[in-house]
Amino acid sequence: MDAARAHVGRVPDDTVREWMSRNASVIRSLRCVLVSSMDSDRDVGRMTWAASRRADDSTWATSMSPLVLSGRSVLELLRDPSLFTGFDEIWVPSRLPVARPPDDAYLVAPRALDVESPLPISAWLATSRCRLGVGDGDGLNYAVSDERLGARLGLT
């Protein structure tokens, strides 16, 4: 499936944290994950906890702006109960470098992808060549351009 035919949807009563926990074996194998929003903050790489982790380990992140981590590193963040608590968004790029998504291509609430399929999301998938993205806040919104990966992660 290409980005022009991206599949979008919403899973009520789900969160990014729960979704990542359920799909840890697949996420762990991902080479890179773009963390584009955490607790509504879209400059995640400049958050205190992220800067502190980078100071402790210079190889922790592939990029700080935007914040790009390995699948294994993003799963390690689940150990901290103060992270991924709502209004979080991640994307899985197919290549690097990757830019931060434009402000109008967001997946977090109040957007409801079971009601709408905004053009900015499809455009972002095409431009970035991201394979999928998920965001929460009121259920789990998702956009998938890689049908095989989406199926492995329970999204198609």
N, C-alpha and C. Protein backbone atom coordinates (compact mmCIF):
# COMPACT_ATOMS: atom_id res chain seq x y z
N MET A 1 0.86 -1.17 0.00
CA MET A 1 0.00 0.00 0.00
C MET A 1 0.90 1.22 0.00
N ASP A 2 0.65 2.18 -0.87
CA ASP A 2 1.45 3.40 -0.86
C ASP A 2 0.74 4.48 -0.07
N ALA A 3 1.46 5.57 0.19
CA ALA A 3 0.93 6.64 1.04
C ALA A 3 -0.33 7.24 0.46
N ALA A 4 -0.47 7.26 -0.86
CA ALA A 4 -1.67 7.83 -1.47
C ALA A 4 -2.90 7.00 -1.11
N ARG A 5 -2.70 5.73 -0.80
CA ARG A 5 -3.80 4.86 -0.40
C ARG A 5 -3.64 4.44 1.05
N ALA A 6 -3.16 5.30 1.87
CA ALA A 6 -2.94 4.99 3.27
C ALA A 6 -4.25 4.62 3.95
N HIS A 7 -4.15 3.71 4.86
CA HIS A 7 -5.29 3.27 5.65
C HIS A 7 -5.24 4.01 6.98
N VAL A 8 -6.31 4.70 7.31
CA VAL A 8 -6.38 5.39 8.60
C VAL A 8 -7.55 4.85 9.39
N GLY A 9 -7.47 4.96 10.70
CA GLY A 9 -8.55 4.49 11.55
C GLY A 9 -8.31 4.84 12.99
N ARG A 10 -9.18 4.33 13.83
CA ARG A 10 -9.12 4.63 15.26
C ARG A 10 -9.54 3.40 16.03
N VAL A 11 -8.82 3.13 17.12
CA VAL A 11 -9.17 2.05 18.04
C VAL A 11 -9.60 2.71 19.35
N PRO A 12 -10.90 2.69 19.66
CA PRO A 12 -11.36 3.32 20.91
C PRO A 12 -10.71 2.64 22.12
N ASP A 13 -10.56 3.39 23.17
CA ASP A 13 -10.08 2.84 24.45
C ASP A 13 -8.70 2.20 24.36
N ASP A 14 -7.83 2.72 23.50
CA ASP A 14 -6.46 2.22 23.40
C ASP A 14 -5.51 3.41 23.51
N THR A 15 -4.27 3.14 23.85
CA THR A 15 -3.26 4.19 23.97
C THR A 15 -1.98 3.75 23.28
N VAL A 16 -1.11 4.69 23.03
CA VAL A 16 0.19 4.37 22.44
C VAL A 16 0.95 3.44 23.38
N ARG A 17 0.93 3.72 24.66
CA ARG A 17 1.63 2.88 25.65
C ARG A 17 1.14 1.44 25.59
N GLU A 18 -0.17 1.24 25.64
CA GLU A 18 -0.73 -0.11 25.61
C GLU A 18 -0.43 -0.81 24.29
N TRP A 19 -0.56 -0.07 23.19
CA TRP A 19 -0.30 -0.63 21.87
C TRP A 19 1.15 -1.07 21.74
N MET A 20 2.09 -0.22 22.21
CA MET A 20 3.51 -0.60 22.14
C MET A 20 3.78 -1.82 23.01
N SER A 21 3.18 -1.87 24.19
CA SER A 21 3.39 -3.02 25.09
C SER A 21 2.91 -4.31 24.44
N ARG A 22 1.74 -4.27 23.81
CA ARG A 22 1.19 -5.46 23.15
C ARG A 22 2.03 -5.90 21.96
N ASN A 23 2.70 -4.96 21.32
CA ASN A 23 3.45 -5.24 20.09
C ASN A 23 4.95 -5.11 20.28
N ALA A 24 5.42 -5.32 21.49
CA ALA A 24 6.83 -5.10 21.81
C ALA A 24 7.78 -5.91 20.93
N SER A 25 7.44 -7.13 20.59
CA SER A 25 8.38 -7.95 19.81
C SER A 25 8.60 -7.36 18.42
N VAL A 26 7.58 -6.78 17.82
CA VAL A 26 7.73 -6.16 16.50
C VAL A 26 8.43 -4.81 16.64
N ILE A 27 8.00 -4.01 17.59
CA ILE A 27 8.57 -2.67 17.77
C ILE A 27 10.06 -2.76 18.11
N ARG A 28 10.44 -3.73 18.91
CA ARG A 28 11.84 -3.91 19.29
C ARG A 28 12.73 -4.08 18.05
N SER A 29 12.20 -4.67 17.01
CA SER A 29 12.99 -4.93 15.80
C SER A 29 13.08 -3.74 14.85
N LEU A 30 12.33 -2.67 15.12
CA LEU A 30 12.35 -1.51 14.23
C LEU A 30 13.67 -0.76 14.35
N ARG A 31 14.20 -0.38 13.21
CA ARG A 31 15.48 0.34 13.18
C ARG A 31 15.33 1.75 13.74
N CYS A 32 14.20 2.41 13.43
CA CYS A 32 14.02 3.77 13.93
C CYS A 32 12.54 4.09 14.14
N VAL A 33 12.31 4.86 15.20
CA VAL A 33 10.97 5.32 15.58
C VAL A 33 11.08 6.81 15.88
N LEU A 34 10.27 7.59 15.21
CA LEU A 34 10.21 9.04 15.44
C LEU A 34 9.17 9.30 16.52
N VAL A 35 9.60 9.87 17.64
CA VAL A 35 8.68 10.24 18.71
C VAL A 35 8.37 11.72 18.50
N SER A 36 7.20 11.99 17.93
CA SER A 36 6.88 13.36 17.50
C SER A 36 6.02 14.13 18.49
N SER A 37 5.44 13.45 19.47
CA SER A 37 4.67 14.14 20.50
C SER A 37 4.67 13.29 21.76
N MET A 38 4.89 13.94 22.88
CA MET A 38 4.80 13.26 24.16
C MET A 38 4.09 14.21 25.11
N ASP A 39 2.96 13.75 25.63
CA ASP A 39 2.15 14.55 26.54
C ASP A 39 1.87 15.94 25.94
N SER A 40 1.53 15.94 24.66
CA SER A 40 1.19 17.14 23.87
C SER A 40 2.38 18.01 23.51
N ASP A 41 3.56 17.68 23.95
CA ASP A 41 4.76 18.46 23.61
C ASP A 41 5.32 17.93 22.30
N ARG A 42 5.41 18.81 21.27
CA ARG A 42 5.88 18.39 19.95
C ARG A 42 7.38 18.59 19.77
N ASP A 43 8.07 19.06 20.79
CA ASP A 43 9.53 19.19 20.73
C ASP A 43 10.13 18.23 21.75
N VAL A 44 9.90 16.95 21.53
CA VAL A 44 10.23 15.91 22.49
C VAL A 44 11.73 15.85 22.79
N GLY A 45 12.55 16.04 21.80
CA GLY A 45 14.00 15.97 22.00
C GLY A 45 14.55 17.02 22.95
N ARG A 46 13.79 18.08 23.17
CA ARG A 46 14.22 19.13 24.11
C ARG A 46 13.62 18.99 25.50
N MET A 47 12.82 17.96 25.69
CA MET A 47 12.26 17.73 27.03
C MET A 47 13.39 17.32 27.97
N THR A 48 13.27 17.69 29.23
CA THR A 48 14.32 17.47 30.22
C THR A 48 14.75 16.01 30.28
N TRP A 49 13.79 15.09 30.34
CA TRP A 49 14.14 13.67 30.45
C TRP A 49 14.93 13.20 29.22
N ALA A 50 14.60 13.69 28.02
CA ALA A 50 15.30 13.28 26.80
C ALA A 50 16.73 13.81 26.79
N ALA A 51 16.89 15.07 27.14
CA ALA A 51 18.23 15.66 27.19
C ALA A 51 19.10 14.94 28.21
N SER A 52 18.51 14.56 29.33
CA SER A 52 19.24 13.84 30.37
C SER A 52 19.71 12.47 29.88
N ARG A 53 18.83 11.76 29.20
CA ARG A 53 19.21 10.44 28.67
C ARG A 53 20.33 10.57 27.63
N ARG A 54 20.24 11.59 26.80
CA ARG A 54 21.28 11.80 25.78
C ARG A 54 22.61 12.16 26.44
N ALA A 55 22.56 12.94 27.52
CA ALA A 55 23.78 13.30 28.24
C ALA A 55 24.44 12.06 28.86
N ASP A 56 23.62 11.11 29.31
CA ASP A 56 24.13 9.87 29.90
C ASP A 56 24.70 8.91 28.86
N ASP A 57 24.14 8.96 27.63
CA ASP A 57 24.55 8.04 26.58
C ASP A 57 24.41 8.73 25.23
N SER A 58 25.53 9.14 24.66
CA SER A 58 25.49 9.90 23.40
C SER A 58 24.95 9.09 22.23
N THR A 59 24.89 7.77 22.35
CA THR A 59 24.36 6.93 21.28
C THR A 59 22.89 6.58 21.48
N TRP A 60 22.27 7.10 22.53
CA TRP A 60 20.88 6.76 22.85
C TRP A 60 19.92 7.10 21.73
N ALA A 61 20.09 8.23 21.09
CA ALA A 61 19.18 8.68 20.03
C ALA A 61 19.93 8.83 18.72
N THR A 62 19.26 8.48 17.64
CA THR A 62 19.81 8.73 16.30
C THR A 62 19.77 10.21 16.01
N SER A 63 18.72 10.86 16.49
CA SER A 63 18.52 12.30 16.29
C SER A 63 17.76 12.84 17.49
N MET A 64 18.05 14.07 17.88
CA MET A 64 17.32 14.71 18.97
C MET A 64 16.26 15.67 18.46
N SER A 65 16.44 16.17 17.24
CA SER A 65 15.46 17.12 16.69
C SER A 65 15.23 16.81 15.22
N PRO A 66 14.21 16.01 14.95
CA PRO A 66 13.25 15.41 15.85
C PRO A 66 13.86 14.20 16.57
N LEU A 67 13.18 13.77 17.62
CA LEU A 67 13.68 12.64 18.41
C LEU A 67 13.44 11.34 17.66
N VAL A 68 14.53 10.67 17.28
CA VAL A 68 14.47 9.39 16.59
C VAL A 68 15.27 8.39 17.41
N LEU A 69 14.61 7.30 17.78
CA LEU A 69 15.21 6.24 18.59
C LEU A 69 15.08 4.91 17.88
N SER A 70 15.86 3.95 18.33
CA SER A 70 15.66 2.57 17.86
C SER A 70 14.37 2.05 18.51
N GLY A 71 13.82 1.00 17.93
CA GLY A 71 12.64 0.38 18.53
C GLY A 71 12.93 -0.08 19.95
N ARG A 72 14.10 -0.64 20.16
CA ARG A 72 14.48 -1.11 21.50
C ARG A 72 14.51 0.06 22.50
N SER A 73 15.08 1.19 22.08
CA SER A 73 15.16 2.36 22.99
C SER A 73 13.79 2.94 23.29
N VAL A 74 12.90 2.98 22.30
CA VAL A 74 11.58 3.53 22.57
C VAL A 74 10.81 2.63 23.54
N LEU A 75 11.00 1.32 23.44
CA LEU A 75 10.35 0.41 24.39
C LEU A 75 10.89 0.59 25.81
N GLU A 76 12.18 0.90 25.92
CA GLU A 76 12.76 1.14 27.26
C GLU A 76 12.09 2.32 27.96
N LEU A 77 11.55 3.26 27.19
CA LEU A 77 10.85 4.41 27.78
C LEU A 77 9.59 3.99 28.53
N LEU A 78 9.03 2.84 28.19
CA LEU A 78 7.82 2.36 28.86
C LEU A 78 8.08 2.03 30.33
N ARG A 79 9.33 1.86 30.70
CA ARG A 79 9.67 1.60 32.11
C ARG A 79 9.38 2.80 33.00
N ASP A 80 9.35 3.98 32.40
CA ASP A 80 9.08 5.21 33.13
C ASP A 80 7.59 5.50 33.07
N PRO A 81 6.88 5.38 34.21
CA PRO A 81 5.42 5.57 34.20
C PRO A 81 4.99 7.01 33.91
N SER A 82 5.94 7.95 33.92
CA SER A 82 5.58 9.34 33.64
C SER A 82 5.65 9.66 32.14
N LEU A 83 6.07 8.68 31.32
CA LEU A 83 6.15 8.88 29.87
C LEU A 83 5.04 8.09 29.18
N PHE A 84 4.63 8.56 28.02
CA PHE A 84 3.54 7.94 27.26
C PHE A 84 2.29 7.85 28.12
N THR A 85 1.87 8.99 28.64
CA THR A 85 0.68 9.03 29.49
C THR A 85 -0.53 9.61 28.77
N GLY A 86 -0.39 10.00 27.53
CA GLY A 86 -1.52 10.51 26.75
C GLY A 86 -1.09 11.65 25.85
N PHE A 87 -1.76 11.78 24.72
CA PHE A 87 -1.44 12.77 23.71
C PHE A 87 -0.02 12.57 23.20
N ASP A 88 0.29 11.30 22.92
CA ASP A 88 1.59 10.87 22.42
C ASP A 88 1.44 10.45 20.96
N GLU A 89 2.53 10.60 20.21
CA GLU A 89 2.50 10.25 18.79
C GLU A 89 3.86 9.72 18.37
N ILE A 90 3.85 8.60 17.65
CA ILE A 90 5.08 8.06 17.08
C ILE A 90 4.84 7.70 15.62
N TRP A 91 5.92 7.72 14.84
CA TRP A 91 5.91 7.36 13.43
C TRP A 91 7.05 6.40 13.18
N VAL A 92 6.89 5.54 12.19
CA VAL A 92 7.94 4.61 11.81
C VAL A 92 8.41 4.98 10.41
N PRO A 93 9.54 5.69 10.32
CA PRO A 93 10.07 6.08 9.00
C PRO A 93 10.70 4.88 8.30
N SER A 94 10.68 4.92 6.98
CA SER A 94 11.33 3.87 6.20
C SER A 94 12.78 4.23 5.90
N ARG A 95 13.13 5.49 6.14
CA ARG A 95 14.50 5.94 5.86
C ARG A 95 14.82 7.15 6.72
N LEU A 96 16.09 7.41 6.84
CA LEU A 96 16.57 8.60 7.54
C LEU A 96 17.35 9.44 6.55
N PRO A 97 17.46 10.72 6.75
CA PRO A 97 16.86 11.46 7.85
C PRO A 97 15.35 11.64 7.64
N VAL A 98 14.69 11.98 8.72
CA VAL A 98 13.26 12.25 8.69
C VAL A 98 13.02 13.55 9.45
N ALA A 99 12.11 14.33 8.94
CA ALA A 99 11.77 15.60 9.58
C ALA A 99 10.63 15.41 10.57
N ARG A 100 10.41 16.42 11.35
CA ARG A 100 9.25 16.44 12.25
C ARG A 100 8.00 16.60 11.38
N PRO A 101 6.91 15.90 11.71
CA PRO A 101 5.68 16.07 10.92
C PRO A 101 5.17 17.51 11.00
N PRO A 102 4.54 17.99 9.94
CA PRO A 102 3.96 19.33 10.01
C PRO A 102 2.83 19.37 11.04
N ASP A 103 2.57 20.54 11.57
CA ASP A 103 1.57 20.68 12.63
C ASP A 103 0.19 20.18 12.23
N ASP A 104 -0.17 20.25 10.95
CA ASP A 104 -1.51 19.82 10.56
C ASP A 104 -1.60 18.33 10.24
N ALA A 105 -0.51 17.59 10.41
CA ALA A 105 -0.51 16.14 10.16
C ALA A 105 -0.50 15.36 11.48
N TYR A 106 -1.14 15.88 12.48
CA TYR A 106 -1.12 15.25 13.79
C TYR A 106 -2.11 14.09 13.88
N LEU A 107 -1.80 13.13 14.77
CA LEU A 107 -2.65 11.97 14.99
C LEU A 107 -3.30 11.95 16.37
N VAL A 108 -2.93 12.87 17.25
CA VAL A 108 -3.47 12.88 18.60
C VAL A 108 -4.87 13.51 18.62
N ALA A 109 -5.59 13.24 19.71
CA ALA A 109 -6.91 13.84 19.90
C ALA A 109 -6.75 15.36 19.93
N PRO A 110 -7.71 16.10 19.45
CA PRO A 110 -9.10 15.71 19.23
C PRO A 110 -9.38 15.10 17.85
N ARG A 111 -8.37 14.90 17.04
CA ARG A 111 -8.60 14.29 15.74
C ARG A 111 -9.15 12.88 15.94
N ALA A 112 -10.15 12.51 15.17
CA ALA A 112 -10.77 11.18 15.24
C ALA A 112 -10.73 10.57 13.85
N LEU A 113 -9.79 9.67 13.62
CA LEU A 113 -9.59 9.13 12.28
C LEU A 113 -10.64 8.09 11.88
N ASP A 114 -11.58 7.78 12.77
CA ASP A 114 -12.70 6.96 12.34
C ASP A 114 -13.80 7.83 11.74
N VAL A 115 -13.63 9.14 11.84
CA VAL A 115 -14.60 10.10 11.30
C VAL A 115 -14.04 10.82 10.08
N GLU A 116 -12.75 11.11 10.09
CA GLU A 116 -12.12 11.89 9.03
C GLU A 116 -10.83 11.24 8.56
N SER A 117 -10.40 11.58 7.37
CA SER A 117 -9.13 11.14 6.81
C SER A 117 -8.44 12.36 6.20
N PRO A 118 -7.81 13.17 7.04
CA PRO A 118 -7.26 14.46 6.60
C PRO A 118 -6.15 14.33 5.56
N LEU A 119 -6.22 15.16 4.55
CA LEU A 119 -5.22 15.20 3.49
C LEU A 119 -3.80 15.44 4.03
N PRO A 120 -3.60 16.30 5.05
CA PRO A 120 -2.23 16.50 5.54
C PRO A 120 -1.55 15.22 6.02
N ILE A 121 -2.31 14.27 6.53
CA ILE A 121 -1.71 13.01 6.99
C ILE A 121 -1.22 12.20 5.79
N SER A 122 -2.04 12.07 4.77
CA SER A 122 -1.63 11.36 3.55
C SER A 122 -0.43 12.03 2.90
N ALA A 123 -0.46 13.36 2.87
CA ALA A 123 0.66 14.10 2.28
C ALA A 123 1.94 13.86 3.07
N TRP A 124 1.85 13.86 4.40
CA TRP A 124 3.02 13.63 5.25
C TRP A 124 3.56 12.21 5.03
N LEU A 125 2.68 11.21 4.95
CA LEU A 125 3.13 9.85 4.70
C LEU A 125 3.88 9.76 3.38
N ALA A 126 3.37 10.43 2.36
CA ALA A 126 4.03 10.40 1.04
C ALA A 126 5.37 11.11 1.08
N THR A 127 5.42 12.27 1.69
CA THR A 127 6.64 13.07 1.74
C THR A 127 7.71 12.41 2.59
N SER A 128 7.33 11.93 3.75
CA SER A 128 8.28 11.37 4.71
C SER A 128 8.64 9.92 4.42
N ARG A 129 7.77 9.26 3.67
CA ARG A 129 7.86 7.82 3.46
C ARG A 129 7.80 7.05 4.77
N CYS A 130 7.04 7.59 5.72
CA CYS A 130 6.80 6.85 6.96
C CYS A 130 5.90 5.66 6.66
N ARG A 131 6.16 4.58 7.35
CA ARG A 131 5.41 3.34 7.14
C ARG A 131 4.12 3.33 7.93
N LEU A 132 4.13 3.98 9.08
CA LEU A 132 2.91 4.10 9.87
C LEU A 132 3.13 5.11 10.98
N GLY A 133 2.02 5.53 11.55
CA GLY A 133 2.04 6.43 12.70
C GLY A 133 0.87 6.12 13.60
N VAL A 134 1.04 6.35 14.89
CA VAL A 134 -0.04 6.19 15.87
C VAL A 134 -0.02 7.38 16.81
N GLY A 135 -1.20 7.77 17.27
CA GLY A 135 -1.32 8.86 18.23
C GLY A 135 -2.54 8.63 19.10
N ASP A 136 -2.49 9.13 20.33
CA ASP A 136 -3.60 8.89 21.24
C ASP A 136 -4.10 10.17 21.89
N GLY A 137 -4.84 10.02 22.93
CA GLY A 137 -5.46 11.12 23.65
C GLY A 137 -6.91 10.80 23.95
N ASP A 138 -7.59 10.22 22.98
CA ASP A 138 -8.96 9.72 23.13
C ASP A 138 -9.10 8.56 22.17
N GLY A 139 -8.58 7.41 22.55
CA GLY A 139 -8.46 6.28 21.65
C GLY A 139 -7.15 6.37 20.91
N LEU A 140 -6.90 5.39 20.06
CA LEU A 140 -5.65 5.31 19.30
C LEU A 140 -5.94 5.55 17.82
N ASN A 141 -5.47 6.67 17.30
CA ASN A 141 -5.55 6.95 15.87
C ASN A 141 -4.35 6.32 15.19
N TYR A 142 -4.54 5.86 13.95
CA TYR A 142 -3.41 5.32 13.21
C TYR A 142 -3.52 5.65 11.73
N ALA A 143 -2.36 5.72 11.10
CA ALA A 143 -2.24 5.91 9.65
C ALA A 143 -1.17 4.93 9.19
N VAL A 144 -1.51 4.10 8.21
CA VAL A 144 -0.62 3.03 7.77
C VAL A 144 -0.44 3.11 6.26
N SER A 145 0.82 3.16 5.82
CA SER A 145 1.10 3.06 4.39
C SER A 145 1.79 1.74 4.05
N ASP A 146 2.33 1.05 5.03
CA ASP A 146 2.96 -0.26 4.84
C ASP A 146 2.00 -1.31 5.41
N GLU A 147 1.21 -1.89 4.53
CA GLU A 147 0.15 -2.81 4.95
C GLU A 147 0.71 -4.01 5.71
N ARG A 148 1.84 -4.51 5.29
CA ARG A 148 2.44 -5.68 5.96
C ARG A 148 2.82 -5.34 7.40
N LEU A 149 3.50 -4.22 7.59
CA LEU A 149 3.87 -3.81 8.95
C LEU A 149 2.61 -3.50 9.76
N GLY A 150 1.64 -2.83 9.15
CA GLY A 150 0.38 -2.54 9.84
C GLY A 150 -0.30 -3.79 10.33
N ALA A 151 -0.30 -4.85 9.52
CA ALA A 151 -0.92 -6.11 9.92
C ALA A 151 -0.15 -6.75 11.08
N ARG A 152 1.18 -6.70 11.04
CA ARG A 152 1.98 -7.26 12.13
C ARG A 152 1.73 -6.53 13.45
N LEU A 153 1.33 -5.25 13.34
CA LEU A 153 1.09 -4.43 14.53
C LEU A 153 -0.40 -4.28 14.84
N GLY A 154 -1.23 -5.09 14.21
CA GLY A 154 -2.66 -5.12 14.52
C GLY A 154 -3.44 -3.91 14.05
N LEU A 155 -2.97 -3.23 13.01
CA LEU A 155 -3.63 -1.99 12.57
C LEU A 155 -4.34 -2.11 11.21
N THR A 156 -4.21 -3.23 10.53
CA THR A 156 -4.92 -3.38 9.25
C THR A 156 -5.63 -4.71 9.20
